[in-house]
Amino acid sequence: MACLHHWLSTMSFSARVIGLRKQKGLTQQSLADASGIHVQQIKRYEAGSAQPTAEALKKLALALHVTADFLLFEEGERELDDDLKLRFEAIAAMPSEEQAIAKAVLDAMIVKNQVAGALGARG
């Protein structure tokens, strides 16, 4: 699977769907049945002529037993660095009140950064 994972990570969304479908031995019709998406829409996704909605992406990911990120992003494109992961795991282990405070602080920092970026873009 490691070789397949590397191969899939360098491909587009449509190619990843095709590769995963074939790897799992599914036809377009069986993927359509498993996901609840019309077979014609599966064909459009695989041809690269359509992009899925968030709901369709969720259905495809569940039917193919992968995450939506795996279908959409190349390997490493959405990876957090290990230092941030450890901090987020520590926050996840906190009581809910402390999690809410941490989220509020992070939200404030994100907004501050976005505003600074927008103001910098004007200058």
PDB file of N, CA and C in Angstrom:
ATOM      1  N   MET A   1       0.830  -1.200   0.000  1.00  0.00           N
ATOM      2  CA  MET A   1       0.000   0.000   0.000  1.00  0.00           C
ATOM      3  C   MET A   1       0.865   1.250   0.000  1.00  0.00           C
ATOM      4  N   ALA A   2       2.082   1.190   0.558  1.00  0.00           N
ATOM      5  CA  ALA A   2       2.944   2.363   0.612  1.00  0.00           C
ATOM      6  C   ALA A   2       3.275   2.854  -0.785  1.00  0.00           C
ATOM      7  N   CYS A   3       3.552   1.950  -1.702  1.00  0.00           N
ATOM      8  CA  CYS A   3       3.839   2.358  -3.078  1.00  0.00           C
ATOM      9  C   CYS A   3       2.601   2.982  -3.707  1.00  0.00           C
ATOM     10  N   LEU A   4       1.448   2.400  -3.467  1.00  0.00           N
ATOM     11  CA  LEU A   4       0.208   2.948  -4.006  1.00  0.00           C
ATOM     12  C   LEU A   4      -0.038   4.322  -3.419  1.00  0.00           C
ATOM     13  N   HIS A   5       0.193   4.469  -2.113  1.00  0.00           N
ATOM     14  CA  HIS A   5      -0.012   5.763  -1.463  1.00  0.00           C
ATOM     15  C   HIS A   5       0.878   6.819  -2.094  1.00  0.00           C
ATOM     16  N   HIS A   6       2.150   6.508  -2.347  1.00  0.00           N
ATOM     17  CA  HIS A   6       3.050   7.476  -2.990  1.00  0.00           C
ATOM     18  C   HIS A   6       2.563   7.803  -4.393  1.00  0.00           C
ATOM     19  N   TRP A   7       2.133   6.797  -5.133  1.00  0.00           N
ATOM     20  CA  TRP A   7       1.647   6.993  -6.497  1.00  0.00           C
ATOM     21  C   TRP A   7       0.413   7.878  -6.495  1.00  0.00           C
ATOM     22  N   LEU A   8      -0.515   7.618  -5.568  1.00  0.00           N
ATOM     23  CA  LEU A   8      -1.738   8.403  -5.497  1.00  0.00           C
ATOM     24  C   LEU A   8      -1.468   9.838  -5.071  1.00  0.00           C
ATOM     25  N   SER A   9      -0.444  10.053  -4.246  1.00  0.00           N
ATOM     26  CA  SER A   9      -0.213  11.388  -3.709  1.00  0.00           C
ATOM     27  C   SER A   9       0.285  12.365  -4.758  1.00  0.00           C
ATOM     28  N   THR A  10       0.744  11.892  -5.892  1.00  0.00           N
ATOM     29  CA  THR A  10       1.244  12.788  -6.923  1.00  0.00           C
ATOM     30  C   THR A  10       0.211  13.005  -8.025  1.00  0.00           C
ATOM     31  N   MET A  11      -1.005  12.591  -7.797  1.00  0.00           N
ATOM     32  CA  MET A  11      -2.033  12.639  -8.823  1.00  0.00           C
ATOM     33  C   MET A  11      -3.102  13.672  -8.491  1.00  0.00           C
ATOM     34  N   SER A  12      -3.916  13.983  -9.476  1.00  0.00           N
ATOM     35  CA  SER A  12      -5.047  14.881  -9.295  1.00  0.00           C
ATOM     36  C   SER A  12      -6.184  14.154  -8.587  1.00  0.00           C
ATOM     37  N   PHE A  13      -7.189  14.940  -8.197  1.00  0.00           N
ATOM     38  CA  PHE A  13      -8.368  14.350  -7.559  1.00  0.00           C
ATOM     39  C   PHE A  13      -8.962  13.242  -8.427  1.00  0.00           C
ATOM     40  N   SER A  14      -9.175  13.532  -9.720  1.00  0.00           N
ATOM     41  CA  SER A  14      -9.813  12.537 -10.597  1.00  0.00           C
ATOM     42  C   SER A  14      -8.968  11.268 -10.691  1.00  0.00           C
ATOM     43  N   ALA A  15      -7.673  11.430 -10.806  1.00  0.00           N
ATOM     44  CA  ALA A  15      -6.800  10.258 -10.898  1.00  0.00           C
ATOM     45  C   ALA A  15      -6.768   9.477  -9.588  1.00  0.00           C
ATOM     46  N   ARG A  16      -6.852  10.179  -8.446  1.00  0.00           N
ATOM     47  CA  ARG A  16      -6.889   9.475  -7.153  1.00  0.00           C
ATOM     48  C   ARG A  16      -8.171   8.659  -7.026  1.00  0.00           C
ATOM     49  N   VAL A  17      -9.290   9.224  -7.469  1.00  0.00           N
ATOM     50  CA  VAL A  17     -10.558   8.479  -7.399  1.00  0.00           C
ATOM     51  C   VAL A  17     -10.472   7.232  -8.273  1.00  0.00           C
ATOM     52  N   ILE A  18      -9.975   7.386  -9.487  1.00  0.00           N
ATOM     53  CA  ILE A  18      -9.840   6.235 -10.393  1.00  0.00           C
ATOM     54  C   ILE A  18      -8.920   5.185  -9.778  1.00  0.00           C
ATOM     55  N   GLY A  19      -7.757   5.631  -9.293  1.00  0.00           N
ATOM     56  CA  GLY A  19      -6.792   4.699  -8.720  1.00  0.00           C
ATOM     57  C   GLY A  19      -7.337   3.944  -7.526  1.00  0.00           C
ATOM     58  N   LEU A  20      -7.995   4.662  -6.620  1.00  0.00           N
ATOM     59  CA  LEU A  20      -8.569   4.004  -5.445  1.00  0.00           C
ATOM     60  C   LEU A  20      -9.701   3.067  -5.828  1.00  0.00           C
ATOM     61  N   ARG A  21     -10.542   3.500  -6.752  1.00  0.00           N
ATOM     62  CA  ARG A  21     -11.662   2.652  -7.186  1.00  0.00           C
ATOM     63  C   ARG A  21     -11.137   1.348  -7.754  1.00  0.00           C
ATOM     64  N   LYS A  22     -10.139   1.435  -8.628  1.00  0.00           N
ATOM     65  CA  LYS A  22      -9.583   0.232  -9.248  1.00  0.00           C
ATOM     66  C   LYS A  22      -8.849  -0.629  -8.220  1.00  0.00           C
ATOM     67  N   GLN A  23      -8.127   0.020  -7.317  1.00  0.00           N
ATOM     68  CA  GLN A  23      -7.393  -0.724  -6.288  1.00  0.00           C
ATOM     69  C   GLN A  23      -8.338  -1.529  -5.412  1.00  0.00           C
ATOM     70  N   LYS A  24      -9.538  -0.998  -5.197  1.00  0.00           N
ATOM     71  CA  LYS A  24     -10.536  -1.687  -4.371  1.00  0.00           C
ATOM     72  C   LYS A  24     -11.421  -2.620  -5.186  1.00  0.00           C
ATOM     73  N   GLY A  25     -11.138  -2.729  -6.481  1.00  0.00           N
ATOM     74  CA  GLY A  25     -11.885  -3.641  -7.338  1.00  0.00           C
ATOM     75  C   GLY A  25     -13.310  -3.196  -7.623  1.00  0.00           C
ATOM     76  N   LEU A  26     -13.541  -1.894  -7.614  1.00  0.00           N
ATOM     77  CA  LEU A  26     -14.883  -1.368  -7.839  1.00  0.00           C
ATOM     78  C   LEU A  26     -15.051  -0.881  -9.278  1.00  0.00           C
ATOM     79  N   THR A  27     -16.230  -1.060  -9.804  1.00  0.00           N
ATOM     80  CA  THR A  27     -16.576  -0.441 -11.080  1.00  0.00           C
ATOM     81  C   THR A  27     -17.112   0.958 -10.771  1.00  0.00           C
ATOM     82  N   GLN A  28     -17.295   1.760 -11.805  1.00  0.00           N
ATOM     83  CA  GLN A  28     -17.909   3.069 -11.590  1.00  0.00           C
ATOM     84  C   GLN A  28     -19.307   2.895 -11.006  1.00  0.00           C
ATOM     85  N   GLN A  29     -20.043   1.901 -11.490  1.00  0.00           N
ATOM     86  CA  GLN A  29     -21.398   1.656 -10.988  1.00  0.00           C
ATOM     87  C   GLN A  29     -21.374   1.230  -9.530  1.00  0.00           C
ATOM     88  N   SER A  30     -20.447   0.349  -9.161  1.00  0.00           N
ATOM     89  CA  SER A  30     -20.415  -0.102  -7.765  1.00  0.00           C
ATOM     90  C   SER A  30     -19.978   1.027  -6.827  1.00  0.00           C
ATOM     91  N   LEU A  31     -19.087   1.925  -7.298  1.00  0.00           N
ATOM     92  CA  LEU A  31     -18.731   3.095  -6.494  1.00  0.00           C
ATOM     93  C   LEU A  31     -19.937   4.017  -6.357  1.00  0.00           C
ATOM     94  N   ALA A  32     -20.678   4.173  -7.437  1.00  0.00           N
ATOM     95  CA  ALA A  32     -21.896   4.991  -7.392  1.00  0.00           C
ATOM     96  C   ALA A  32     -22.893   4.408  -6.386  1.00  0.00           C
ATOM     97  N   ASP A  33     -23.073   3.105  -6.425  1.00  0.00           N
ATOM     98  CA  ASP A  33     -23.996   2.444  -5.493  1.00  0.00           C
ATOM     99  C   ASP A  33     -23.524   2.607  -4.048  1.00  0.00           C
ATOM    100  N   ALA A  34     -22.223   2.425  -3.821  1.00  0.00           N
ATOM    101  CA  ALA A  34     -21.682   2.496  -2.466  1.00  0.00           C
ATOM    102  C   ALA A  34     -21.723   3.917  -1.905  1.00  0.00           C
ATOM    103  N   SER A  35     -21.592   4.903  -2.784  1.00  0.00           N
ATOM    104  CA  SER A  35     -21.539   6.287  -2.327  1.00  0.00           C
ATOM    105  C   SER A  35     -22.883   7.000  -2.383  1.00  0.00           C
ATOM    106  N   GLY A  36     -23.810   6.461  -3.156  1.00  0.00           N
ATOM    107  CA  GLY A  36     -25.089   7.136  -3.323  1.00  0.00           C
ATOM    108  C   GLY A  36     -25.019   8.295  -4.304  1.00  0.00           C
ATOM    109  N   ILE A  37     -23.968   8.310  -5.116  1.00  0.00           N
ATOM    110  CA  ILE A  37     -23.790   9.345  -6.139  1.00  0.00           C
ATOM    111  C   ILE A  37     -24.100   8.709  -7.485  1.00  0.00           C
ATOM    112  N   HIS A  38     -24.812   9.425  -8.332  1.00  0.00           N
ATOM    113  CA  HIS A  38     -25.196   8.881  -9.636  1.00  0.00           C
ATOM    114  C   HIS A  38     -23.949   8.511 -10.437  1.00  0.00           C
ATOM    115  N   VAL A  39     -24.013   7.417 -11.161  1.00  0.00           N
ATOM    116  CA  VAL A  39     -22.866   6.924 -11.921  1.00  0.00           C
ATOM    117  C   VAL A  39     -22.371   7.956 -12.940  1.00  0.00           C
ATOM    118  N   GLN A  40     -23.272   8.734 -13.523  1.00  0.00           N
ATOM    119  CA  GLN A  40     -22.837   9.760 -14.479  1.00  0.00           C
ATOM    120  C   GLN A  40     -21.974  10.819 -13.796  1.00  0.00           C
ATOM    121  N   GLN A  41     -22.298  11.110 -12.537  1.00  0.00           N
ATOM    122  CA  GLN A  41     -21.491  12.089 -11.798  1.00  0.00           C
ATOM    123  C   GLN A  41     -20.124  11.500 -11.464  1.00  0.00           C
ATOM    124  N   ILE A  42     -20.071  10.225 -11.110  1.00  0.00           N
ATOM    125  CA  ILE A  42     -18.786   9.550 -10.877  1.00  0.00           C
ATOM    126  C   ILE A  42     -17.934   9.656 -12.137  1.00  0.00           C
ATOM    127  N   LYS A  43     -18.530   9.422 -13.290  1.00  0.00           N
ATOM    128  CA  LYS A  43     -17.804   9.520 -14.560  1.00  0.00           C
ATOM    129  C   LYS A  43     -17.269  10.929 -14.782  1.00  0.00           C
ATOM    130  N   ARG A  44     -18.061  11.941 -14.424  1.00  0.00           N
ATOM    131  CA  ARG A  44     -17.602  13.330 -14.585  1.00  0.00           C
ATOM    132  C   ARG A  44     -16.432  13.624 -13.652  1.00  0.00           C
ATOM    133  N   TYR A  45     -16.503  13.123 -12.409  1.00  0.00           N
ATOM    134  CA  TYR A  45     -15.384  13.318 -11.474  1.00  0.00           C
ATOM    135  C   TYR A  45     -14.120  12.672 -12.027  1.00  0.00           C
ATOM    136  N   GLU A  46     -14.250  11.456 -12.513  1.00  0.00           N
ATOM    137  CA  GLU A  46     -13.090  10.733 -13.016  1.00  0.00           C
ATOM    138  C   GLU A  46     -12.526  11.351 -14.297  1.00  0.00           C
ATOM    139  N   ALA A  47     -13.389  11.966 -15.081  1.00  0.00           N
ATOM    140  CA  ALA A  47     -12.935  12.630 -16.310  1.00  0.00           C
ATOM    141  C   ALA A  47     -12.312  13.992 -16.007  1.00  0.00           C
ATOM    142  N   GLY A  48     -12.499  14.469 -14.794  1.00  0.00           N
ATOM    143  CA  GLY A  48     -11.968  15.778 -14.423  1.00  0.00           C
ATOM    144  C   GLY A  48     -12.837  16.925 -14.899  1.00  0.00           C
ATOM    145  N   SER A  49     -14.054  16.624 -15.313  1.00  0.00           N
ATOM    146  CA  SER A  49     -14.939  17.672 -15.816  1.00  0.00           C
ATOM    147  C   SER A  49     -15.859  18.236 -14.739  1.00  0.00           C
ATOM    148  N   ALA A  50     -15.785  17.697 -13.530  1.00  0.00           N
ATOM    149  CA  ALA A  50     -16.595  18.199 -12.414  1.00  0.00           C
ATOM    150  C   ALA A  50     -15.823  17.993 -11.116  1.00  0.00           C
ATOM    151  N   GLN A  51     -16.086  18.871 -10.159  1.00  0.00           N
ATOM    152  CA  GLN A  51     -15.514  18.746  -8.821  1.00  0.00           C
ATOM    153  C   GLN A  51     -16.665  18.465  -7.851  1.00  0.00           C
ATOM    154  N   PRO A  52     -16.435  17.637  -6.853  1.00  0.00           N
ATOM    155  CA  PRO A  52     -17.524  17.266  -5.948  1.00  0.00           C
ATOM    156  C   PRO A  52     -17.874  18.373  -4.968  1.00  0.00           C
ATOM    157  N   THR A  53     -19.111  18.377  -4.550  1.00  0.00           N
ATOM    158  CA  THR A  53     -19.519  19.228  -3.433  1.00  0.00           C
ATOM    159  C   THR A  53     -18.918  18.625  -2.163  1.00  0.00           C
ATOM    160  N   ALA A  54     -19.016  19.358  -1.065  1.00  0.00           N
ATOM    161  CA  ALA A  54     -18.519  18.835   0.206  1.00  0.00           C
ATOM    162  C   ALA A  54     -19.238  17.546   0.581  1.00  0.00           C
ATOM    163  N   GLU A  55     -20.540  17.510   0.360  1.00  0.00           N
ATOM    164  CA  GLU A  55     -21.323  16.306   0.684  1.00  0.00           C
ATOM    165  C   GLU A  55     -20.914  15.127  -0.191  1.00  0.00           C
ATOM    166  N   ALA A  56     -20.717  15.367  -1.485  1.00  0.00           N
ATOM    167  CA  ALA A  56     -20.299  14.293  -2.395  1.00  0.00           C
ATOM    168  C   ALA A  56     -18.900  13.816  -2.045  1.00  0.00           C
ATOM    169  N   LEU A  57     -18.032  14.737  -1.671  1.00  0.00           N
ATOM    170  CA  LEU A  57     -16.668  14.368  -1.275  1.00  0.00           C
ATOM    171  C   LEU A  57     -16.700  13.458  -0.058  1.00  0.00           C
ATOM    172  N   LYS A  58     -17.556  13.783   0.898  1.00  0.00           N
ATOM    173  CA  LYS A  58     -17.712  12.952   2.099  1.00  0.00           C
ATOM    174  C   LYS A  58     -18.183  11.552   1.717  1.00  0.00           C
ATOM    175  N   LYS A  59     -19.176  11.476   0.830  1.00  0.00           N
ATOM    176  CA  LYS A  59     -19.698  10.180   0.399  1.00  0.00           C
ATOM    177  C   LYS A  59     -18.631   9.358  -0.325  1.00  0.00           C
ATOM    178  N   LEU A  60     -17.862  10.007  -1.188  1.00  0.00           N
ATOM    179  CA  LEU A  60     -16.784   9.305  -1.907  1.00  0.00           C
ATOM    180  C   LEU A  60     -15.723   8.796  -0.939  1.00  0.00           C
ATOM    181  N   ALA A  61     -15.326   9.654  -0.005  1.00  0.00           N
ATOM    182  CA  ALA A  61     -14.302   9.260   0.966  1.00  0.00           C
ATOM    183  C   ALA A  61     -14.766   8.059   1.789  1.00  0.00           C
ATOM    184  N   LEU A  62     -16.010   8.086   2.230  1.00  0.00           N
ATOM    185  CA  LEU A  62     -16.534   6.951   3.003  1.00  0.00           C
ATOM    186  C   LEU A  62     -16.582   5.677   2.162  1.00  0.00           C
ATOM    187  N   ALA A  63     -17.029   5.800   0.918  1.00  0.00           N
ATOM    188  CA  ALA A  63     -17.139   4.624   0.044  1.00  0.00           C
ATOM    189  C   ALA A  63     -15.768   4.049  -0.290  1.00  0.00           C
ATOM    190  N   LEU A  64     -14.749   4.922  -0.376  1.00  0.00           N
ATOM    191  CA  LEU A  64     -13.398   4.466  -0.729  1.00  0.00           C
ATOM    192  C   LEU A  64     -12.526   4.206   0.500  1.00  0.00           C
ATOM    193  N   HIS A  65     -13.083   4.446   1.688  1.00  0.00           N
ATOM    194  CA  HIS A  65     -12.382   4.205   2.971  1.00  0.00           C
ATOM    195  C   HIS A  65     -11.101   5.023   3.082  1.00  0.00           C
ATOM    196  N   VAL A  66     -11.196   6.301   2.717  1.00  0.00           N
ATOM    197  CA  VAL A  66     -10.088   7.243   2.879  1.00  0.00           C
ATOM    198  C   VAL A  66     -10.665   8.540   3.431  1.00  0.00           C
ATOM    199  N   THR A  67      -9.801   9.476   3.774  1.00  0.00           N
ATOM    200  CA  THR A  67     -10.273  10.774   4.224  1.00  0.00           C
ATOM    201  C   THR A  67     -10.504  11.681   3.022  1.00  0.00           C
ATOM    202  N   ALA A  68     -11.287  12.717   3.231  1.00  0.00           N
ATOM    203  CA  ALA A  68     -11.501  13.710   2.171  1.00  0.00           C
ATOM    204  C   ALA A  68     -10.184  14.404   1.837  1.00  0.00           C
ATOM    205  N   ASP A  69      -9.362  14.666   2.848  1.00  0.00           N
ATOM    206  CA  ASP A  69      -8.053  15.277   2.601  1.00  0.00           C
ATOM    207  C   ASP A  69      -7.222  14.418   1.657  1.00  0.00           C
ATOM    208  N   PHE A  70      -7.284  13.105   1.844  1.00  0.00           N
ATOM    209  CA  PHE A  70      -6.509  12.201   0.994  1.00  0.00           C
ATOM    210  C   PHE A  70      -6.945  12.321  -0.460  1.00  0.00           C
ATOM    211  N   LEU A  71      -8.242  12.517  -0.682  1.00  0.00           N
ATOM    212  CA  LEU A  71      -8.739  12.661  -2.052  1.00  0.00           C
ATOM    213  C   LEU A  71      -8.358  14.007  -2.660  1.00  0.00           C
ATOM    214  N   LEU A  72      -8.310  15.046  -1.846  1.00  0.00           N
ATOM    215  CA  LEU A  72      -8.130  16.400  -2.365  1.00  0.00           C
ATOM    216  C   LEU A  72      -6.692  16.893  -2.446  1.00  0.00           C
ATOM    217  N   PHE A  73      -5.885  16.540  -1.466  1.00  0.00           N
ATOM    218  CA  PHE A  73      -4.569  17.164  -1.333  1.00  0.00           C
ATOM    219  C   PHE A  73      -3.434  16.191  -1.588  1.00  0.00           C
ATOM    220  N   GLU A  74      -2.354  16.737  -2.119  1.00  0.00           N
ATOM    221  CA  GLU A  74      -1.159  15.930  -2.295  1.00  0.00           C
ATOM    222  C   GLU A  74      -0.516  15.688  -0.934  1.00  0.00           C
ATOM    223  N   GLU A  75       0.258  14.647  -0.852  1.00  0.00           N
ATOM    224  CA  GLU A  75       0.903  14.276   0.397  1.00  0.00           C
ATOM    225  C   GLU A  75       1.706  15.452   0.941  1.00  0.00           C
ATOM    226  N   GLY A  76       1.518  15.750   2.215  1.00  0.00           N
ATOM    227  CA  GLY A  76       2.256  16.822   2.857  1.00  0.00           C
ATOM    228  C   GLY A  76       1.649  18.197   2.667  1.00  0.00           C
ATOM    229  N   GLU A  77       0.730  18.339   1.751  1.00  0.00           N
ATOM    230  CA  GLU A  77       0.140  19.643   1.471  1.00  0.00           C
ATOM    231  C   GLU A  77      -0.679  20.150   2.656  1.00  0.00           C
ATOM    232  N   ARG A  78      -1.264  19.245   3.431  1.00  0.00           N
ATOM    233  CA  ARG A  78      -2.088  19.637   4.567  1.00  0.00           C
ATOM    234  C   ARG A  78      -1.496  19.160   5.894  1.00  0.00           C
ATOM    235  N   GLU A  79      -0.227  18.819   5.901  1.00  0.00           N
ATOM    236  CA  GLU A  79       0.389  18.306   7.125  1.00  0.00           C
ATOM    237  C   GLU A  79       0.749  19.433   8.081  1.00  0.00           C
ATOM    238  N   LEU A  80       0.411  19.278   9.359  1.00  0.00           N
ATOM    239  CA  LEU A  80       0.854  20.189  10.397  1.00  0.00           C
ATOM    240  C   LEU A  80       2.241  19.759  10.842  1.00  0.00           C
ATOM    241  N   ASP A  81       3.059  20.715  11.249  1.00  0.00           N
ATOM    242  CA  ASP A  81       4.349  20.281  11.752  1.00  0.00           C
ATOM    243  C   ASP A  81       4.145  19.592  13.101  1.00  0.00           C
ATOM    244  N   ASP A  82       5.088  18.757  13.480  1.00  0.00           N
ATOM    245  CA  ASP A  82       4.950  17.924  14.671  1.00  0.00           C
ATOM    246  C   ASP A  82       4.760  18.751  15.939  1.00  0.00           C
ATOM    247  N   ASP A  83       5.410  19.914  16.006  1.00  0.00           N
ATOM    248  CA  ASP A  83       5.299  20.766  17.175  1.00  0.00           C
ATOM    249  C   ASP A  83       3.863  21.245  17.367  1.00  0.00           C
ATOM    250  N   LEU A  84       3.199  21.645  16.275  1.00  0.00           N
ATOM    251  CA  LEU A  84       1.796  22.069  16.380  1.00  0.00           C
ATOM    252  C   LEU A  84       0.891  20.897  16.719  1.00  0.00           C
ATOM    253  N   LYS A  85       1.167  19.741  16.134  1.00  0.00           N
ATOM    254  CA  LYS A  85       0.350  18.561  16.437  1.00  0.00           C
ATOM    255  C   LYS A  85       0.374  18.251  17.932  1.00  0.00           C
ATOM    256  N   LEU A  86       1.559  18.312  18.535  1.00  0.00           N
ATOM    257  CA  LEU A  86       1.677  18.025  19.965  1.00  0.00           C
ATOM    258  C   LEU A  86       0.875  19.021  20.795  1.00  0.00           C
ATOM    259  N   ARG A  87       0.921  20.275  20.398  1.00  0.00           N
ATOM    260  CA  ARG A  87       0.169  21.302  21.129  1.00  0.00           C
ATOM    261  C   ARG A  87      -1.345  21.073  20.986  1.00  0.00           C
ATOM    262  N   PHE A  88      -1.792  20.747  19.775  1.00  0.00           N
ATOM    263  CA  PHE A  88      -3.223  20.498  19.572  1.00  0.00           C
ATOM    264  C   PHE A  88      -3.674  19.254  20.335  1.00  0.00           C
ATOM    265  N   GLU A  89      -2.833  18.242  20.401  1.00  0.00           N
ATOM    266  CA  GLU A  89      -3.173  17.050  21.178  1.00  0.00           C
ATOM    267  C   GLU A  89      -3.284  17.387  22.665  1.00  0.00           C
ATOM    268  N   ALA A  90      -2.391  18.265  23.136  1.00  0.00           N
ATOM    269  CA  ALA A  90      -2.445  18.682  24.541  1.00  0.00           C
ATOM    270  C   ALA A  90      -3.728  19.459  24.819  1.00  0.00           C
ATOM    271  N   ILE A  91      -4.112  20.323  23.888  1.00  0.00           N
ATOM    272  CA  ILE A  91      -5.359  21.084  24.043  1.00  0.00           C
ATOM    273  C   ILE A  91      -6.559  20.136  24.042  1.00  0.00           C
ATOM    274  N   ALA A  92      -6.535  19.126  23.175  1.00  0.00           N
ATOM    275  CA  ALA A  92      -7.635  18.167  23.094  1.00  0.00           C
ATOM    276  C   ALA A  92      -7.814  17.389  24.400  1.00  0.00           C
ATOM    277  N   ALA A  93      -6.737  17.254  25.182  1.00  0.00           N
ATOM    278  CA  ALA A  93      -6.806  16.517  26.442  1.00  0.00           C
ATOM    279  C   ALA A  93      -7.270  17.397  27.604  1.00  0.00           C
ATOM    280  N   MET A  94      -7.394  18.702  27.376  1.00  0.00           N
ATOM    281  CA  MET A  94      -7.807  19.629  28.438  1.00  0.00           C
ATOM    282  C   MET A  94      -9.312  19.540  28.678  1.00  0.00           C
ATOM    283  N   PRO A  95      -9.748  19.997  29.860  1.00  0.00           N
ATOM    284  CA  PRO A  95     -11.197  20.100  30.107  1.00  0.00           C
ATOM    285  C   PRO A  95     -11.837  21.052  29.082  1.00  0.00           C
ATOM    286  N   SER A  96     -13.117  20.880  28.840  1.00  0.00           N
ATOM    287  CA  SER A  96     -13.802  21.637  27.785  1.00  0.00           C
ATOM    288  C   SER A  96     -13.714  23.142  27.984  1.00  0.00           C
ATOM    289  N   GLU A  97     -13.751  23.617  29.224  1.00  0.00           N
ATOM    290  CA  GLU A  97     -13.644  25.057  29.468  1.00  0.00           C
ATOM    291  C   GLU A  97     -12.289  25.587  28.997  1.00  0.00           C
ATOM    292  N   GLU A  98     -11.217  24.865  29.287  1.00  0.00           N
ATOM    293  CA  GLU A  98      -9.888  25.287  28.871  1.00  0.00           C
ATOM    294  C   GLU A  98      -9.721  25.169  27.353  1.00  0.00           C
ATOM    295  N   GLN A  99     -10.360  24.158  26.763  1.00  0.00           N
ATOM    296  CA  GLN A  99     -10.341  24.041  25.297  1.00  0.00           C
ATOM    297  C   GLN A  99     -10.996  25.258  24.661  1.00  0.00           C
ATOM    298  N   ALA A 100     -12.117  25.700  25.230  1.00  0.00           N
ATOM    299  CA  ALA A 100     -12.827  26.862  24.696  1.00  0.00           C
ATOM    300  C   ALA A 100     -11.952  28.106  24.757  1.00  0.00           C
ATOM    301  N   ILE A 101     -11.214  28.277  25.837  1.00  0.00           N
ATOM    302  CA  ILE A 101     -10.311  29.426  25.970  1.00  0.00           C
ATOM    303  C   ILE A 101      -9.206  29.341  24.932  1.00  0.00           C
ATOM    304  N   ALA A 102      -8.616  28.157  24.778  1.00  0.00           N
ATOM    305  CA  ALA A 102      -7.542  27.980  23.792  1.00  0.00           C
ATOM    306  C   ALA A 102      -8.050  28.262  22.381  1.00  0.00           C
ATOM    307  N   LYS A 103      -9.249  27.794  22.074  1.00  0.00           N
ATOM    308  CA  LYS A 103      -9.835  28.044  20.752  1.00  0.00           C
ATOM    309  C   LYS A 103     -10.079  29.533  20.537  1.00  0.00           C
ATOM    310  N   ALA A 104     -10.552  30.223  21.568  1.00  0.00           N
ATOM    311  CA  ALA A 104     -10.807  31.663  21.450  1.00  0.00           C
ATOM    312  C   ALA A 104      -9.511  32.422  21.210  1.00  0.00           C
ATOM    313  N   VAL A 105      -8.452  32.033  21.903  1.00  0.00           N
ATOM    314  CA  VAL A 105      -7.150  32.681  21.696  1.00  0.00           C
ATOM    315  C   VAL A 105      -6.654  32.423  20.279  1.00  0.00           C
ATOM    316  N   LEU A 106      -6.758  31.190  19.821  1.00  0.00           N
ATOM    317  CA  LEU A 106      -6.330  30.865  18.454  1.00  0.00           C
ATOM    318  C   LEU A 106      -7.157  31.617  17.422  1.00  0.00           C
ATOM    319  N   ASP A 107      -8.476  31.657  17.615  1.00  0.00           N
ATOM    320  CA  ASP A 107      -9.346  32.392  16.693  1.00  0.00           C
ATOM    321  C   ASP A 107      -8.950  33.859  16.628  1.00  0.00           C
ATOM    322  N   ALA A 108      -8.673  34.463  17.780  1.00  0.00           N
ATOM    323  CA  ALA A 108      -8.279  35.875  17.820  1.00  0.00           C
ATOM    324  C   ALA A 108      -6.965  36.091  17.069  1.00  0.00           C
ATOM    325  N   MET A 109      -6.024  35.189  17.251  1.00  0.00           N
ATOM    326  CA  MET A 109      -4.739  35.311  16.550  1.00  0.00           C
ATOM    327  C   MET A 109      -4.913  35.161  15.045  1.00  0.00           C
ATOM    328  N   ILE A 110      -5.792  34.255  14.631  1.00  0.00           N
ATOM    329  CA  ILE A 110      -6.046  34.039  13.203  1.00  0.00           C
ATOM    330  C   ILE A 110      -6.672  35.284  12.587  1.00  0.00           C
ATOM    331  N   VAL A 111      -7.676  35.845  13.258  1.00  0.00           N
ATOM    332  CA  VAL A 111      -8.325  37.059  12.752  1.00  0.00           C
ATOM    333  C   VAL A 111      -7.314  38.201  12.683  1.00  0.00           C
ATOM    334  N   LYS A 112      -6.516  38.369  13.735  1.00  0.00           N
ATOM    335  CA  LYS A 112      -5.494  39.428  13.755  1.00  0.00           C
ATOM    336  C   LYS A 112      -4.554  39.279  12.562  1.00  0.00           C
ATOM    337  N   ASN A 113      -4.122  38.051  12.285  1.00  0.00           N
ATOM    338  CA  ASN A 113      -3.221  37.800  11.167  1.00  0.00           C
ATOM    339  C   ASN A 113      -3.892  38.085   9.831  1.00  0.00           C
ATOM    340  N   GLN A 114      -5.153  37.699   9.703  1.00  0.00           N
ATOM    341  CA  GLN A 114      -5.887  37.943   8.454  1.00  0.00           C
ATOM    342  C   GLN A 114      -6.094  39.435   8.217  1.00  0.00           C
ATOM    343  N   VAL A 115      -6.406  40.172   9.271  1.00  0.00           N
ATOM    344  CA  VAL A 115      -6.586  41.624   9.149  1.00  0.00           C
ATOM    345  C   VAL A 115      -5.260  42.273   8.769  1.00  0.00           C
ATOM    346  N   ALA A 116      -4.196  41.878   9.434  1.00  0.00           N
ATOM    347  CA  ALA A 116      -2.882  42.439   9.118  1.00  0.00           C
ATOM    348  C   ALA A 116      -2.502  42.144   7.675  1.00  0.00           C
ATOM    349  N   GLY A 117      -2.817  40.945   7.217  1.00  0.00           N
ATOM    350  CA  GLY A 117      -2.532  40.585   5.831  1.00  0.00           C
ATOM    351  C   GLY A 117      -3.352  41.405   4.849  1.00  0.00           C
ATOM    352  N   ALA A 118      -4.621  41.630   5.177  1.00  0.00           N
ATOM    353  CA  ALA A 118      -5.495  42.419   4.303  1.00  0.00           C
ATOM    354  C   ALA A 118      -5.040  43.870   4.255  1.00  0.00           C
ATOM    355  N   LEU A 119      -4.652  44.411   5.394  1.00  0.00           N
ATOM    356  CA  LEU A 119      -4.183  45.798   5.426  1.00  0.00           C
ATOM    357  C   LEU A 119      -2.857  45.939   4.690  1.00  0.00           C
ATOM    358  N   GLY A 120      -2.011  44.930   4.835  1.00  0.00           N
ATOM    359  CA  GLY A 120      -0.723  44.949   4.129  1.00  0.00           C
ATOM    360  C   GLY A 120      -0.899  44.860   2.630  1.00  0.00           C
ATOM    361  N   ALA A 121      -1.935  44.140   2.182  1.00  0.00           N
ATOM    362  CA  ALA A 121      -2.199  43.989   0.753  1.00  0.00           C
ATOM    363  C   ALA A 121      -2.668  45.304   0.143  1.00  0.00           C
ATOM    364  N   ARG A 122      -3.295  46.160   0.947  1.00  0.00           N
ATOM    365  CA  ARG A 122      -3.778  47.453   0.448  1.00  0.00           C
ATOM    366  C   ARG A 122      -2.630  48.428   0.232  1.00  0.00           C
ATOM    367  N   GLY A 123      -1.638  48.342   1.120  1.00  0.00           N
ATOM    368  CA  GLY A 123      -0.556  49.320   1.114  1.00  0.00           C
ATOM    369  C   GLY A 123       0.297  49.184  -0.067  1.00  0.00           C
TER     370      GLY A 123
END
